[in-house]
N, C-alpha and C. Protein backbone atom coordinates (compact mmCIF):
# COMPACT_ATOMS: atom_id res chain seq x y z
N UNK A 1 5.52 -24.15 -154.39
CA UNK A 1 5.11 -23.51 -155.60
C UNK A 1 3.82 -22.73 -155.44
N UNK A 2 3.26 -22.70 -154.25
CA UNK A 2 1.99 -22.01 -154.01
C UNK A 2 2.28 -20.62 -153.42
N UNK A 3 1.49 -19.64 -153.79
CA UNK A 3 1.62 -18.31 -153.20
C UNK A 3 1.38 -18.42 -151.69
N UNK A 4 2.04 -17.56 -150.92
CA UNK A 4 1.97 -17.65 -149.47
C UNK A 4 0.52 -17.57 -148.97
N UNK A 5 -0.24 -16.58 -149.44
CA UNK A 5 -1.63 -16.44 -148.98
C UNK A 5 -2.45 -17.68 -149.34
N UNK A 6 -2.22 -18.23 -150.53
CA UNK A 6 -2.95 -19.45 -150.93
C UNK A 6 -2.59 -20.62 -150.03
N UNK A 7 -1.32 -20.70 -149.64
CA UNK A 7 -0.89 -21.79 -148.76
C UNK A 7 -1.56 -21.68 -147.39
N UNK A 8 -1.64 -20.47 -146.86
CA UNK A 8 -2.33 -20.28 -145.58
C UNK A 8 -3.80 -20.64 -145.68
N UNK A 9 -4.46 -20.21 -146.77
CA UNK A 9 -5.87 -20.55 -146.96
C UNK A 9 -6.05 -22.06 -147.04
N UNK A 10 -5.17 -22.73 -147.74
CA UNK A 10 -5.24 -24.19 -147.88
C UNK A 10 -5.04 -24.87 -146.52
N UNK A 11 -4.09 -24.36 -145.74
CA UNK A 11 -3.86 -24.94 -144.40
C UNK A 11 -5.10 -24.77 -143.52
N UNK A 12 -5.72 -23.60 -143.57
CA UNK A 12 -6.92 -23.37 -142.76
C UNK A 12 -8.07 -24.26 -143.23
N UNK A 13 -8.25 -24.40 -144.54
CA UNK A 13 -9.29 -25.28 -145.06
C UNK A 13 -9.07 -26.72 -144.61
N UNK A 14 -7.82 -27.16 -144.64
CA UNK A 14 -7.50 -28.52 -144.21
C UNK A 14 -7.79 -28.69 -142.72
N UNK A 15 -7.42 -27.71 -141.91
CA UNK A 15 -7.70 -27.79 -140.47
C UNK A 15 -9.20 -27.91 -140.21
N UNK A 16 -10.00 -27.13 -140.93
CA UNK A 16 -11.45 -27.21 -140.77
C UNK A 16 -11.98 -28.56 -141.22
N UNK A 17 -11.51 -29.02 -142.37
CA UNK A 17 -11.96 -30.32 -142.92
C UNK A 17 -11.63 -31.47 -141.97
N UNK A 18 -10.46 -31.39 -141.34
CA UNK A 18 -10.01 -32.46 -140.45
C UNK A 18 -10.60 -32.35 -139.04
N UNK A 19 -11.34 -31.28 -138.76
CA UNK A 19 -11.94 -31.12 -137.45
C UNK A 19 -10.99 -30.62 -136.37
N UNK A 20 -9.91 -29.97 -136.77
CA UNK A 20 -8.94 -29.44 -135.81
C UNK A 20 -9.56 -28.29 -135.02
N UNK A 21 -9.13 -28.12 -133.80
CA UNK A 21 -9.62 -27.00 -132.98
C UNK A 21 -8.77 -25.75 -133.19
N UNK A 22 -7.53 -25.93 -133.63
CA UNK A 22 -6.60 -24.82 -133.81
C UNK A 22 -5.77 -25.03 -135.07
N UNK A 23 -5.26 -23.92 -135.59
CA UNK A 23 -4.25 -23.95 -136.65
C UNK A 23 -3.02 -23.27 -136.09
N UNK A 24 -1.89 -23.95 -136.14
CA UNK A 24 -0.61 -23.38 -135.72
C UNK A 24 0.18 -23.06 -136.97
N UNK A 25 0.62 -21.82 -137.10
CA UNK A 25 1.48 -21.45 -138.22
C UNK A 25 2.89 -21.21 -137.70
N UNK A 26 3.85 -21.84 -138.32
CA UNK A 26 5.27 -21.59 -138.04
C UNK A 26 5.94 -21.47 -139.39
N UNK A 27 6.46 -20.29 -139.68
CA UNK A 27 7.10 -20.06 -140.97
C UNK A 27 8.51 -20.64 -140.98
N UNK A 28 9.00 -20.90 -142.18
CA UNK A 28 10.28 -21.61 -142.32
C UNK A 28 11.49 -20.79 -141.90
N UNK A 29 11.31 -19.52 -141.60
CA UNK A 29 12.44 -18.69 -141.14
C UNK A 29 12.28 -18.28 -139.68
N UNK A 30 11.32 -18.88 -138.99
CA UNK A 30 11.03 -18.53 -137.61
C UNK A 30 11.22 -19.76 -136.74
N UNK A 31 11.96 -19.60 -135.66
CA UNK A 31 12.28 -20.72 -134.78
C UNK A 31 11.80 -20.41 -133.36
N UNK A 32 10.62 -20.94 -133.01
CA UNK A 32 10.09 -20.71 -131.67
C UNK A 32 10.76 -21.62 -130.65
N UNK A 33 10.60 -21.30 -129.35
CA UNK A 33 11.11 -22.22 -128.33
C UNK A 33 10.34 -23.54 -128.39
N UNK A 34 10.93 -24.58 -127.86
CA UNK A 34 10.36 -25.93 -127.93
C UNK A 34 8.98 -26.03 -127.29
N UNK A 35 8.69 -25.21 -126.30
CA UNK A 35 7.41 -25.30 -125.60
C UNK A 35 6.38 -24.29 -126.12
N UNK A 36 6.58 -23.76 -127.32
CA UNK A 36 5.73 -22.71 -127.86
C UNK A 36 4.26 -23.12 -127.94
N UNK A 37 3.97 -24.30 -128.44
CA UNK A 37 2.57 -24.72 -128.61
C UNK A 37 1.87 -24.77 -127.26
N UNK A 38 2.49 -25.37 -126.28
CA UNK A 38 1.92 -25.47 -124.94
C UNK A 38 1.66 -24.09 -124.36
N UNK A 39 2.61 -23.21 -124.52
CA UNK A 39 2.47 -21.86 -123.97
C UNK A 39 1.36 -21.08 -124.67
N UNK A 40 1.27 -21.21 -125.99
CA UNK A 40 0.21 -20.50 -126.72
C UNK A 40 -1.17 -21.04 -126.35
N UNK A 41 -1.30 -22.36 -126.23
CA UNK A 41 -2.59 -22.96 -125.86
C UNK A 41 -3.06 -22.51 -124.48
N UNK A 42 -2.15 -22.29 -123.56
CA UNK A 42 -2.51 -21.89 -122.20
C UNK A 42 -3.27 -20.57 -122.14
N UNK A 43 -3.09 -19.74 -123.13
CA UNK A 43 -3.73 -18.42 -123.11
C UNK A 43 -5.23 -18.47 -123.33
N UNK A 44 -5.71 -19.50 -123.99
CA UNK A 44 -7.14 -19.68 -124.22
C UNK A 44 -7.78 -18.44 -124.84
N UNK A 45 -7.13 -17.91 -125.87
CA UNK A 45 -7.68 -16.80 -126.65
C UNK A 45 -7.80 -17.27 -128.10
N UNK A 46 -8.50 -16.51 -128.92
CA UNK A 46 -8.76 -16.93 -130.29
C UNK A 46 -7.53 -16.85 -131.21
N UNK A 47 -6.72 -15.82 -131.02
CA UNK A 47 -5.56 -15.60 -131.88
C UNK A 47 -4.41 -15.13 -131.00
N UNK A 48 -3.31 -15.87 -131.01
CA UNK A 48 -2.15 -15.49 -130.21
C UNK A 48 -0.88 -15.95 -130.91
N UNK A 49 0.12 -15.10 -130.87
CA UNK A 49 1.40 -15.45 -131.48
C UNK A 49 2.55 -15.09 -130.58
N UNK A 50 3.71 -15.59 -130.96
CA UNK A 50 4.94 -15.25 -130.27
C UNK A 50 5.55 -13.99 -130.85
N UNK A 51 6.53 -13.45 -130.14
CA UNK A 51 7.22 -12.24 -130.57
C UNK A 51 8.51 -12.61 -131.29
N UNK A 52 8.80 -11.91 -132.35
CA UNK A 52 10.11 -12.03 -133.00
C UNK A 52 10.41 -10.75 -133.75
N UNK A 53 11.72 -10.47 -133.95
CA UNK A 53 12.10 -9.24 -134.64
C UNK A 53 12.05 -9.39 -136.15
N UNK A 54 11.99 -8.26 -136.82
CA UNK A 54 12.13 -8.25 -138.28
C UNK A 54 13.54 -8.69 -138.61
N UNK A 55 13.71 -9.21 -139.82
CA UNK A 55 15.04 -9.60 -140.29
C UNK A 55 15.68 -8.37 -140.93
N UNK A 56 16.25 -7.53 -140.11
CA UNK A 56 16.94 -6.35 -140.64
C UNK A 56 18.03 -5.93 -139.68
N UNK A 57 19.14 -5.46 -140.21
CA UNK A 57 20.23 -5.00 -139.35
C UNK A 57 19.86 -3.71 -138.63
N UNK A 58 20.62 -3.39 -137.62
CA UNK A 58 20.38 -2.15 -136.88
C UNK A 58 19.52 -2.40 -135.66
N UNK A 59 18.80 -1.37 -135.28
CA UNK A 59 17.95 -1.46 -134.09
C UNK A 59 16.92 -2.57 -134.26
N UNK A 60 16.69 -3.29 -133.17
CA UNK A 60 15.72 -4.38 -133.21
C UNK A 60 14.31 -3.81 -133.34
N UNK A 61 13.61 -4.26 -134.36
CA UNK A 61 12.24 -3.83 -134.61
C UNK A 61 11.36 -5.07 -134.61
N UNK A 62 10.29 -5.06 -133.82
CA UNK A 62 9.42 -6.21 -133.72
C UNK A 62 8.49 -6.35 -134.92
N UNK A 63 8.11 -7.60 -135.23
CA UNK A 63 7.18 -7.83 -136.32
C UNK A 63 5.73 -7.57 -135.94
N UNK A 64 5.28 -7.83 -134.69
CA UNK A 64 3.90 -7.49 -134.36
C UNK A 64 3.70 -5.97 -134.42
N UNK A 65 2.52 -5.55 -134.81
CA UNK A 65 2.19 -4.13 -134.86
C UNK A 65 1.18 -3.85 -133.76
N UNK A 66 1.48 -2.86 -132.93
CA UNK A 66 0.58 -2.46 -131.84
C UNK A 66 0.09 -1.04 -132.10
N UNK A 67 -0.99 -0.69 -131.44
CA UNK A 67 -1.48 0.70 -131.48
C UNK A 67 -0.86 1.43 -130.29
N UNK A 68 -0.14 2.50 -130.59
CA UNK A 68 0.49 3.31 -129.55
C UNK A 68 0.07 4.76 -129.79
N UNK A 69 -0.64 5.33 -128.83
CA UNK A 69 -1.13 6.71 -128.96
C UNK A 69 -1.88 6.92 -130.27
N UNK A 70 -2.71 5.94 -130.65
CA UNK A 70 -3.54 6.05 -131.84
C UNK A 70 -2.84 5.80 -133.16
N UNK A 71 -1.57 5.41 -133.10
CA UNK A 71 -0.81 5.15 -134.34
C UNK A 71 -0.28 3.72 -134.33
N UNK A 72 -0.16 3.14 -135.53
CA UNK A 72 0.41 1.79 -135.64
C UNK A 72 1.92 1.87 -135.53
N UNK A 73 2.46 1.04 -134.62
CA UNK A 73 3.91 1.01 -134.40
C UNK A 73 4.35 -0.42 -134.18
N UNK A 74 5.58 -0.70 -134.56
CA UNK A 74 6.15 -2.01 -134.29
C UNK A 74 6.24 -2.22 -132.79
N UNK A 75 5.94 -3.43 -132.36
CA UNK A 75 6.07 -3.79 -130.95
C UNK A 75 7.52 -4.19 -130.73
N UNK A 76 8.34 -3.21 -130.42
CA UNK A 76 9.80 -3.40 -130.41
C UNK A 76 10.37 -3.92 -129.10
N UNK A 77 9.73 -3.64 -128.01
CA UNK A 77 10.28 -4.03 -126.71
C UNK A 77 9.42 -5.10 -126.06
N UNK A 78 9.78 -6.36 -126.25
CA UNK A 78 9.01 -7.42 -125.61
C UNK A 78 9.22 -7.36 -124.10
N UNK A 79 8.13 -7.13 -123.36
CA UNK A 79 8.25 -6.95 -121.92
C UNK A 79 7.82 -8.17 -121.12
N UNK A 80 7.57 -9.29 -121.82
CA UNK A 80 7.21 -10.52 -121.12
C UNK A 80 5.73 -10.65 -120.82
N UNK A 81 4.91 -9.74 -121.33
CA UNK A 81 3.48 -9.77 -121.05
C UNK A 81 2.69 -10.15 -122.30
N UNK A 82 1.41 -10.38 -122.09
CA UNK A 82 0.48 -10.54 -123.22
C UNK A 82 0.09 -9.15 -123.66
N UNK A 83 0.19 -8.90 -124.96
CA UNK A 83 -0.16 -7.58 -125.49
C UNK A 83 -1.17 -7.73 -126.60
N UNK A 84 -2.22 -6.94 -126.54
CA UNK A 84 -3.16 -6.88 -127.65
C UNK A 84 -2.42 -6.19 -128.80
N UNK A 85 -2.53 -6.74 -130.01
CA UNK A 85 -1.83 -6.15 -131.14
C UNK A 85 -2.81 -5.85 -132.27
N UNK A 86 -2.40 -4.96 -133.12
CA UNK A 86 -3.18 -4.57 -134.29
C UNK A 86 -2.99 -5.60 -135.41
N UNK A 87 -1.72 -6.02 -135.58
CA UNK A 87 -1.39 -7.03 -136.59
C UNK A 87 -0.51 -8.08 -135.95
N UNK A 88 -0.91 -9.35 -136.10
CA UNK A 88 -0.10 -10.46 -135.61
C UNK A 88 0.55 -11.13 -136.81
N UNK A 89 1.86 -11.26 -136.81
CA UNK A 89 2.52 -11.96 -137.92
C UNK A 89 2.28 -13.46 -137.80
N UNK A 90 2.43 -14.19 -138.88
CA UNK A 90 2.12 -15.61 -138.90
C UNK A 90 3.34 -16.51 -138.63
N UNK A 91 4.47 -15.93 -138.25
CA UNK A 91 5.68 -16.72 -138.03
C UNK A 91 5.53 -17.80 -136.98
N UNK A 92 4.79 -17.51 -135.92
CA UNK A 92 4.50 -18.47 -134.85
C UNK A 92 3.20 -18.04 -134.21
N UNK A 93 2.08 -18.51 -134.78
CA UNK A 93 0.77 -18.04 -134.35
C UNK A 93 -0.21 -19.20 -134.24
N UNK A 94 -1.02 -19.16 -133.19
CA UNK A 94 -2.04 -20.16 -132.96
C UNK A 94 -3.40 -19.50 -133.13
N UNK A 95 -4.25 -20.10 -133.99
CA UNK A 95 -5.56 -19.53 -134.29
C UNK A 95 -6.62 -20.62 -134.07
N UNK A 96 -7.63 -20.31 -133.29
CA UNK A 96 -8.75 -21.25 -133.14
C UNK A 96 -9.46 -21.35 -134.49
N UNK A 97 -9.80 -22.55 -134.89
CA UNK A 97 -10.45 -22.73 -136.20
C UNK A 97 -11.83 -22.08 -136.24
N UNK A 98 -12.47 -21.86 -135.09
CA UNK A 98 -13.75 -21.16 -135.07
C UNK A 98 -13.64 -19.76 -135.68
N UNK A 99 -12.46 -19.17 -135.58
CA UNK A 99 -12.24 -17.85 -136.19
C UNK A 99 -12.52 -17.92 -137.69
N UNK A 100 -12.01 -18.95 -138.35
CA UNK A 100 -12.19 -19.07 -139.80
C UNK A 100 -13.66 -19.26 -140.17
N UNK A 101 -14.40 -19.94 -139.30
CA UNK A 101 -15.83 -20.16 -139.56
C UNK A 101 -16.63 -18.85 -139.53
N UNK A 102 -16.09 -17.85 -138.84
CA UNK A 102 -16.81 -16.58 -138.67
C UNK A 102 -16.31 -15.48 -139.60
N UNK A 103 -15.28 -15.76 -140.38
CA UNK A 103 -14.74 -14.77 -141.30
C UNK A 103 -15.05 -15.16 -142.74
N UNK A 104 -15.20 -14.19 -143.63
CA UNK A 104 -15.42 -14.52 -145.04
C UNK A 104 -14.14 -15.08 -145.66
N UNK A 105 -14.32 -16.00 -146.58
CA UNK A 105 -13.19 -16.57 -147.33
C UNK A 105 -12.92 -15.66 -148.52
N UNK A 106 -11.68 -15.45 -148.91
CA UNK A 106 -10.44 -16.00 -148.37
C UNK A 106 -10.00 -15.27 -147.10
N UNK A 107 -9.37 -16.00 -146.22
CA UNK A 107 -8.92 -15.44 -144.95
C UNK A 107 -7.58 -14.73 -145.08
N UNK A 108 -6.78 -15.18 -146.05
CA UNK A 108 -5.45 -14.60 -146.27
C UNK A 108 -5.37 -14.11 -147.71
N UNK A 109 -4.99 -12.86 -147.86
CA UNK A 109 -4.84 -12.26 -149.18
C UNK A 109 -3.62 -11.35 -149.12
N UNK A 110 -2.82 -11.35 -150.17
CA UNK A 110 -1.70 -10.42 -150.28
C UNK A 110 -2.05 -9.41 -151.36
N UNK A 111 -1.95 -8.14 -151.02
CA UNK A 111 -2.23 -7.06 -151.97
C UNK A 111 -1.00 -6.16 -152.05
N UNK A 112 -0.99 -5.21 -152.96
CA UNK A 112 0.14 -4.26 -152.97
C UNK A 112 0.27 -3.46 -151.67
N UNK A 113 -0.83 -3.34 -150.91
CA UNK A 113 -0.80 -2.57 -149.68
C UNK A 113 -0.70 -3.42 -148.41
N UNK A 114 -1.12 -4.69 -148.48
CA UNK A 114 -1.20 -5.52 -147.28
C UNK A 114 -0.53 -6.88 -147.48
N UNK A 115 0.17 -7.32 -146.44
CA UNK A 115 0.65 -8.70 -146.43
C UNK A 115 -0.51 -9.59 -146.01
N UNK A 116 -0.35 -10.89 -146.17
CA UNK A 116 -1.40 -11.82 -145.75
C UNK A 116 -1.64 -11.74 -144.26
N UNK A 117 -0.60 -11.45 -143.46
CA UNK A 117 -0.74 -11.30 -142.01
C UNK A 117 -1.64 -10.10 -141.68
N UNK A 118 -1.35 -8.99 -142.35
CA UNK A 118 -2.13 -7.76 -142.11
C UNK A 118 -3.57 -7.95 -142.54
N UNK A 119 -3.77 -8.59 -143.69
CA UNK A 119 -5.12 -8.81 -144.20
C UNK A 119 -5.92 -9.66 -143.20
N UNK A 120 -5.33 -10.77 -142.76
CA UNK A 120 -6.01 -11.64 -141.80
C UNK A 120 -6.32 -10.88 -140.51
N UNK A 121 -5.35 -10.15 -139.98
CA UNK A 121 -5.54 -9.41 -138.74
C UNK A 121 -6.67 -8.40 -138.88
N UNK A 122 -6.71 -7.72 -140.01
CA UNK A 122 -7.76 -6.72 -140.24
C UNK A 122 -9.13 -7.39 -140.30
N UNK A 123 -9.22 -8.51 -141.03
CA UNK A 123 -10.49 -9.24 -141.11
C UNK A 123 -10.93 -9.71 -139.72
N UNK A 124 -10.00 -10.22 -138.96
CA UNK A 124 -10.31 -10.71 -137.61
C UNK A 124 -10.77 -9.57 -136.71
N UNK A 125 -10.06 -8.45 -136.72
CA UNK A 125 -10.46 -7.29 -135.90
C UNK A 125 -11.85 -6.81 -136.30
N UNK A 126 -12.10 -6.72 -137.61
CA UNK A 126 -13.41 -6.26 -138.10
C UNK A 126 -14.54 -7.17 -137.61
N UNK A 127 -14.24 -8.45 -137.40
CA UNK A 127 -15.25 -9.41 -136.93
C UNK A 127 -15.32 -9.48 -135.40
N UNK A 128 -14.53 -8.65 -134.72
CA UNK A 128 -14.59 -8.60 -133.27
C UNK A 128 -13.56 -9.44 -132.54
N UNK A 129 -12.65 -10.08 -133.28
CA UNK A 129 -11.60 -10.87 -132.64
C UNK A 129 -10.44 -9.96 -132.24
N UNK A 130 -9.72 -10.37 -131.21
CA UNK A 130 -8.58 -9.60 -130.72
C UNK A 130 -7.31 -10.42 -130.94
N UNK A 131 -6.39 -9.94 -131.77
CA UNK A 131 -5.10 -10.62 -131.89
C UNK A 131 -4.21 -10.27 -130.69
N UNK A 132 -3.53 -11.26 -130.16
CA UNK A 132 -2.65 -11.10 -129.01
C UNK A 132 -1.23 -11.54 -129.36
N UNK A 133 -0.28 -10.97 -128.65
CA UNK A 133 1.11 -11.40 -128.76
C UNK A 133 1.63 -11.70 -127.35
N UNK A 134 2.15 -12.90 -127.18
CA UNK A 134 2.80 -13.27 -125.92
C UNK A 134 4.27 -12.86 -126.07
N UNK A 135 4.62 -11.73 -125.50
CA UNK A 135 5.98 -11.20 -125.68
C UNK A 135 7.02 -11.97 -124.88
N UNK A 136 6.56 -12.89 -124.01
CA UNK A 136 7.52 -13.74 -123.30
C UNK A 136 7.96 -14.91 -124.18
N UNK A 137 7.19 -15.18 -125.23
CA UNK A 137 7.51 -16.27 -126.15
C UNK A 137 8.31 -15.66 -127.31
N UNK A 138 9.63 -15.70 -127.16
CA UNK A 138 10.51 -15.05 -128.12
C UNK A 138 11.07 -16.06 -129.10
N UNK A 139 10.86 -15.77 -130.37
CA UNK A 139 11.32 -16.64 -131.45
C UNK A 139 12.54 -16.02 -132.12
N UNK A 140 13.34 -16.88 -132.71
CA UNK A 140 14.45 -16.40 -133.54
C UNK A 140 13.95 -16.28 -134.96
N UNK A 141 14.43 -15.27 -135.67
CA UNK A 141 14.04 -15.03 -137.06
C UNK A 141 15.33 -15.09 -137.86
N UNK A 142 15.38 -15.95 -138.86
CA UNK A 142 16.63 -16.21 -139.55
C UNK A 142 16.56 -15.80 -141.01
N UNK A 143 17.58 -15.07 -141.45
CA UNK A 143 17.71 -14.73 -142.87
C UNK A 143 18.27 -15.97 -143.55
N UNK A 144 17.46 -16.62 -144.36
CA UNK A 144 17.87 -17.89 -144.98
C UNK A 144 19.01 -17.72 -145.99
N UNK A 145 19.19 -16.53 -146.52
CA UNK A 145 20.26 -16.30 -147.50
C UNK A 145 21.60 -16.13 -146.81
N UNK A 146 21.64 -15.29 -145.76
CA UNK A 146 22.91 -14.99 -145.10
C UNK A 146 23.17 -15.85 -143.87
N UNK A 147 22.11 -16.46 -143.34
CA UNK A 147 22.24 -17.24 -142.10
C UNK A 147 22.24 -16.38 -140.85
N UNK A 148 22.04 -15.08 -140.99
CA UNK A 148 22.01 -14.17 -139.85
C UNK A 148 20.79 -14.47 -139.00
N UNK A 149 21.02 -14.55 -137.69
CA UNK A 149 19.93 -14.82 -136.74
C UNK A 149 19.58 -13.51 -136.04
N UNK A 150 18.29 -13.20 -136.05
CA UNK A 150 17.79 -12.02 -135.35
C UNK A 150 16.96 -12.52 -134.18
N UNK A 151 17.26 -12.03 -132.98
CA UNK A 151 16.57 -12.51 -131.78
C UNK A 151 16.29 -11.37 -130.82
């Protein structure tokens, strides 16, 4: 019953209160591989997520947004490498809790122009953090209404 951005803010507040070193977000329509947490932790960066496609028919379009020739573009071709991204989606993302200590609250906000993922990524970039995507960590994205799996 909570708005998505409010739920993310609450999760981050709880992680800080409990003394956690990281916050792992996995959305209910995203299915990462079983070893996702271990693989994300190995990178030892502040913000890192797995790759997954948008839930849409047709050509596969990635959810992470990268800068390509000065323009924002979907990261459509996972090449198995770590890629710096402009926007990291929250479907399967690991964030060091120190990031939240250095950003103004609220960390997640949804506006008519920005999703909570975009808002967080922008705040993090503005504070000097680099969002990363491990394109070798491929998640399935499932349309909960139709059951269609996008991978």
